[in-house]
Amino acid sequence: MVSRVSRSLALASVFALAVGLGACGSGSSDEGNGDDGVVTINYWGFAPKSTTADKYKEAFEASHPNIKVNFRVVEITDYPATLRPGLQSDDGPDVLPLAAGGAIAGAFLFEDAVEDLTPLAKATLGDDFADQFGGGYIEQLTVNGKLLASPFVGVTAQYFWYNKDLFDKYSLVPPTNYDEMKKVCDTFAANDVQCFVGGFGGDLPFGGELARTIANSIEPGYWEDAIKGKVSWESPVITETVDVLRKMQADGIIAEDAIAIQQYPEANNIFQSQQAAMIQMGSWYAQYDPKDVSAEAQEAAGVTDPQVFTQLTMPAPDLSGHGNIPTTLGEVDWGVAISKRSQHKAEAEEFVKWLTMTEEGQQFGCSVLEGVPTLKNVEPDWPNLNLSNPELQEANIRQIIEDSLTTTETRNRWIGPETAEAILQLVQGALTTNTPAADLAAAAQSAAKPLDGAADS
């Protein structure tokens, strides 16, 4: 359970982008108070993606004809700067996604702005509601005894996704270590295909994900212990991680423009348009497995004649040469919260209940493949997934779900704004400066700030 954090932390965000708030109204607007008795609730969020938001809307409204959902999909880069003022306005969202941790949308940052959903969960699922969810998900979204968001999807991460069609075209297999990675990348480069794409610019922490993967191949678990303040960032594990990042850049595995682009939308578009063969993403990336979503993603990336391809996960390679294959990370990816300023709370509760506390909503959510189900004993609707390569991808998705039940290391759960910024500066310093690795590690140690309770977890 997360301890109370100061209001100054709640207002702090390393992602303070200047983003205007559109005029999609919430509770105080005339919208949702029509003579036909239909109420409209407004959802703002970085998830679900624009390619699947309409599917959520249609599925919910089919069984709730008196409630309409107005989805406003906000890019994850813009979300924090959009959300905080939105939650202080009568024209903000009724419902919204929050994450377990991290500086982007950690539930602990919004305790003052959202409702406690414990009464709703007890009324719907009973006093033992926490036991009906997997992975410690309820605890991860509970702050000071209040359930701030109801778990919708879980996440497993530290995967590399690869384009199997491109690998097959050049008779390649997924690499398991650095030397194999270098050979694979050399082959792709010789054929004018980008090997690995990563967007490490801006304020998103995806460069930190790669750094963590490297660190976990050096000493498994050290990175998370550093996040929690149990060990120092000033360590040979961290300095060697910096050295490996720089070696990957020098060897052409990390592209020269990695710091100039972001993971979303640029790196994602490069992979989905089949200009790159590998990308590091988590379980949410399975959303692009269905044929229609794959085609839509390619069109969004500028492809005029989409060619559906097979994307699969592979274990993260041992990038340090220490013989350790990094295992998956896992936690609740996001849950659904209700704004305290919502004037349609009954309708908002119906939406949250359907999406997170019913088998119908949970099966729908995991069937659009944006994450693993949080309610126990729920699986995707396998026959209707329309996968690009059902034989291979169904087995891959089943493995992702199994991984979510066995992972022992969290992803963003204990990362607060200061630590996120420290990691960002560590990675960007490694790839854009000649600053000694020891100095970068010392700066990370100075800037990082463990969250309350992290050291005891």
Foldseek 3Di string as FASTA:
>chain_A
DFEADDLVLLPDFPLQDDDDADQQAFAVDCAQVDPVQAGEFEEEECPDDPLCPVVLQVLLCVVVVSYGYHYDHDHLSCQVNHQPVLLVDRRHGQKYKAFLFDRRHHLSSCPVWFAFCVVLQCVQPNPVSCVQFADSFQVSQDYPNGRFFFFFFKKKFQWKKFFVVVCVVQVHDDDAEAVSLLVQQVSCVVVQAHAEAAALADQDQVLLSVLLQQLCLVPNPPVLCCLQVNDALLDPSQLLSLVLLLVCDVSRNYPLCNHVGHVPPVRVLCVLLRRYTMYGDMQLVCLCFAPVNSQVSNVVSPDPDDDDTHMFIDFNHSYNPSPDGHAMAIYRGIGMTGTPSGPPNVSVSSSRCQCRPDLSNSQSVCLSRSHHGGRPPHYHPLVPSNGPDSVPSVVRSVVSNVSNNPHDHHDRNWAGNQLSVLSSCLSVCSSPHPPRSSVSSVSSRVRRDTGPPSNVD
